[in-house]
């Protein structure tokens, strides 16, 4: 499977993982779910705390910054689904929050980036963690994907 990834670095950060690593994390995540893709399309935008806080307020009614937001693509009624392809949606990631979290949780920055990408992709695929049962299912899948990537369980903090 090949992926189409539009990686937008809105803050011109030099600490964003290379595109090839991000694609690998996405493909590893997609391989674990019971859906078959030929050429999925995803946009990932790296933003400031101000931008993610604005988006969080606008779309989730929470006036605070967050680490990652997921915006699954919804096909408008007037567009035939065949014309859309495999557009999964957009992830918005706040690098400065990832940096803070990795330091606080004593994780490598690369591992935390991978975790947030995996977490966001699962949201694009319809997983959530609102209810405890759903959270357990999503976290177990995250742990499995990250293990496949050689990354320790992110929920077992040091």
Protein backbone atom coordinates (compact mmCIF):
# COMPACT_ATOMS: atom_id res chain seq x y z
CA UNK A 1 0.00 0.00 0.00
CA UNK A 2 1.16 3.51 -0.78
CA UNK A 3 0.01 6.56 1.13
CA UNK A 4 -0.49 10.13 0.04
CA UNK A 5 0.67 12.34 2.92
CA UNK A 6 0.46 16.11 2.81
CA UNK A 7 2.77 17.20 5.64
CA UNK A 8 2.35 20.89 6.46
CA UNK A 9 4.84 22.46 8.86
CA UNK A 10 3.08 25.74 9.69
CA UNK A 11 5.67 26.69 12.32
CA UNK A 12 8.81 25.83 10.30
CA UNK A 13 9.97 23.48 13.02
CA UNK A 14 13.22 21.58 12.60
CA UNK A 15 12.08 18.90 15.08
CA UNK A 16 9.28 17.35 13.02
CA UNK A 17 10.09 13.72 12.17
CA UNK A 18 10.94 12.98 8.56
CA UNK A 19 8.03 12.26 6.25
CA UNK A 20 9.18 8.68 5.66
CA UNK A 21 8.94 7.92 9.41
CA UNK A 22 5.45 9.42 9.64
CA UNK A 23 4.32 7.42 6.60
CA UNK A 24 5.69 4.25 8.25
CA UNK A 25 3.74 4.98 11.45
CA UNK A 26 0.55 5.56 9.46
CA UNK A 27 0.95 2.41 7.37
CA UNK A 28 1.68 0.32 10.47
CA UNK A 29 -1.50 1.67 12.06
CA UNK A 30 -3.61 1.00 8.98
CA UNK A 31 -2.28 -2.57 8.81
CA UNK A 32 -3.76 -3.26 12.28
CA UNK A 33 -7.33 -2.25 11.50
CA UNK A 34 -9.86 -4.34 9.63
CA UNK A 35 -10.09 -2.01 6.65
CA UNK A 36 -8.39 -2.33 3.30
CA UNK A 37 -6.86 0.66 1.62
CA UNK A 38 -5.10 1.02 -1.71
CA UNK A 39 -3.87 4.60 -1.48
CA UNK A 40 -5.17 6.46 1.57
CA UNK A 41 -4.75 10.23 1.73
CA UNK A 42 -4.02 12.15 4.93
CA UNK A 43 -2.99 15.70 5.76
CA UNK A 44 -0.93 16.38 8.88
CA UNK A 45 -0.45 20.00 9.89
CA UNK A 46 2.11 20.96 12.55
CA UNK A 47 0.95 24.08 14.37
CA UNK A 48 1.52 26.48 17.26
CA UNK A 49 -0.35 26.37 20.57
CA UNK A 50 -2.36 29.40 19.47
CA UNK A 51 -3.58 27.71 16.29
CA UNK A 52 -4.50 24.44 17.96
CA UNK A 53 -6.27 26.28 20.78
CA UNK A 54 -8.32 28.22 18.22
CA UNK A 55 -9.26 24.99 16.45
CA UNK A 56 -10.03 23.24 19.73
CA UNK A 57 -12.33 26.12 20.72
CA UNK A 58 -14.01 26.27 17.32
CA UNK A 59 -14.59 22.53 16.80
CA UNK A 60 -14.68 21.06 20.32
CA UNK A 61 -15.77 24.06 22.39
CA UNK A 62 -12.67 23.71 24.58
CA UNK A 63 -10.71 26.92 24.99
CA UNK A 64 -7.31 25.34 25.62
CA UNK A 65 -4.49 23.92 23.56
CA UNK A 66 -4.22 20.17 23.04
CA UNK A 67 -1.66 17.79 21.54
CA UNK A 68 -3.55 16.45 18.52
CA UNK A 69 -6.88 17.06 16.80
CA UNK A 70 -8.40 14.72 14.24
CA UNK A 71 -10.78 15.78 11.52
CA UNK A 72 -12.17 12.74 9.69
CA UNK A 73 -13.22 13.46 6.12
CA UNK A 74 -16.96 13.40 5.59
CA UNK A 75 -18.17 13.04 2.01
CA UNK A 76 -20.60 15.83 1.09
CA UNK A 77 -23.94 14.49 -0.17
CA UNK A 78 -23.55 15.99 -3.65
CA UNK A 79 -20.22 14.26 -4.34
CA UNK A 80 -20.17 10.60 -5.43
CA UNK A 81 -18.04 8.55 -3.04
CA UNK A 82 -16.07 7.10 -5.98
CA UNK A 83 -14.72 10.57 -6.77
CA UNK A 84 -13.32 11.06 -3.28
CA UNK A 85 -10.86 8.18 -3.23
CA UNK A 86 -9.52 7.20 0.17
CA UNK A 87 -9.33 10.59 1.84
CA UNK A 88 -9.18 9.80 5.56
CA UNK A 89 -8.96 13.35 6.88
CA UNK A 90 -6.64 15.75 8.64
CA UNK A 91 -4.53 15.64 11.79
CA UNK A 92 -3.40 18.82 13.50
CA UNK A 93 -0.48 18.36 15.89
CA UNK A 94 0.93 20.95 18.27
CA UNK A 95 4.67 20.40 18.44
CA UNK A 96 5.30 22.49 21.57
CA UNK A 97 2.78 20.45 23.54
CA UNK A 98 4.38 17.21 22.31
CA UNK A 99 7.75 18.52 23.47
CA UNK A 100 6.36 19.34 26.92
CA UNK A 101 4.58 15.99 27.25
CA UNK A 102 7.58 13.94 26.16
CA UNK A 103 9.73 15.69 28.74
CA UNK A 104 7.15 15.36 31.54
CA UNK A 105 6.49 11.70 30.73
CA UNK A 106 10.18 10.90 30.24
CA UNK A 107 9.63 9.59 26.71
CA UNK A 108 11.75 10.08 23.64
CA UNK A 109 10.38 12.78 21.39
CA UNK A 110 10.32 10.39 18.42
CA UNK A 111 8.26 7.84 20.39
CA UNK A 112 5.79 10.50 21.46
CA UNK A 113 5.45 11.79 17.90
CA UNK A 114 4.74 8.22 16.75
CA UNK A 115 2.16 7.77 19.50
CA UNK A 116 0.31 10.97 18.61
CA UNK A 117 0.26 10.08 14.91
CA UNK A 118 -1.04 6.58 15.68
CA UNK A 119 -3.60 8.02 18.10
CA UNK A 120 -4.79 10.57 15.54
CA UNK A 121 -5.04 8.03 12.72
CA UNK A 122 -7.20 5.79 14.91
CA UNK A 123 -9.52 8.76 15.50
CA UNK A 124 -9.73 9.29 11.73
CA UNK A 125 -10.79 5.65 11.44
CA UNK A 126 -13.61 6.09 13.94
CA UNK A 127 -12.01 5.00 17.21
CA UNK A 128 -12.55 7.14 20.29
CA UNK A 129 -11.95 7.15 24.03
CA UNK A 130 -15.04 8.84 25.41
CA UNK A 131 -16.49 5.70 27.00
CA UNK A 132 -14.22 3.47 29.11
CA UNK A 133 -14.90 0.41 26.96
CA UNK A 134 -13.98 2.28 23.77
CA UNK A 135 -10.92 3.80 25.46
CA UNK A 136 -9.65 0.35 26.46
CA UNK A 137 -10.10 -0.92 22.90
CA UNK A 138 -8.37 2.11 21.37
CA UNK A 139 -5.50 2.08 23.86
CA UNK A 140 -4.93 -1.65 23.33
CA UNK A 141 -4.71 -1.05 19.59
CA UNK A 142 -2.31 1.88 20.12
CA UNK A 143 -0.10 -0.28 22.33
CA UNK A 144 -0.10 -3.05 19.68
CA UNK A 145 0.79 -0.68 16.83
CA UNK A 146 3.51 1.01 18.88
CA UNK A 147 4.91 -2.38 19.90
CA UNK A 148 5.09 -3.29 16.20
CA UNK A 149 7.11 -0.08 15.79
CA UNK A 150 9.45 -1.07 18.64
CA UNK A 151 8.01 1.52 21.03
CA UNK A 152 7.10 0.79 24.65
CA UNK A 153 3.56 1.05 25.99
CA UNK A 154 2.96 4.82 26.30
CA UNK A 155 0.43 4.30 29.07
CA UNK A 156 3.03 2.75 31.38
CA UNK A 157 4.72 5.93 32.53
CA UNK A 158 8.16 5.77 34.12
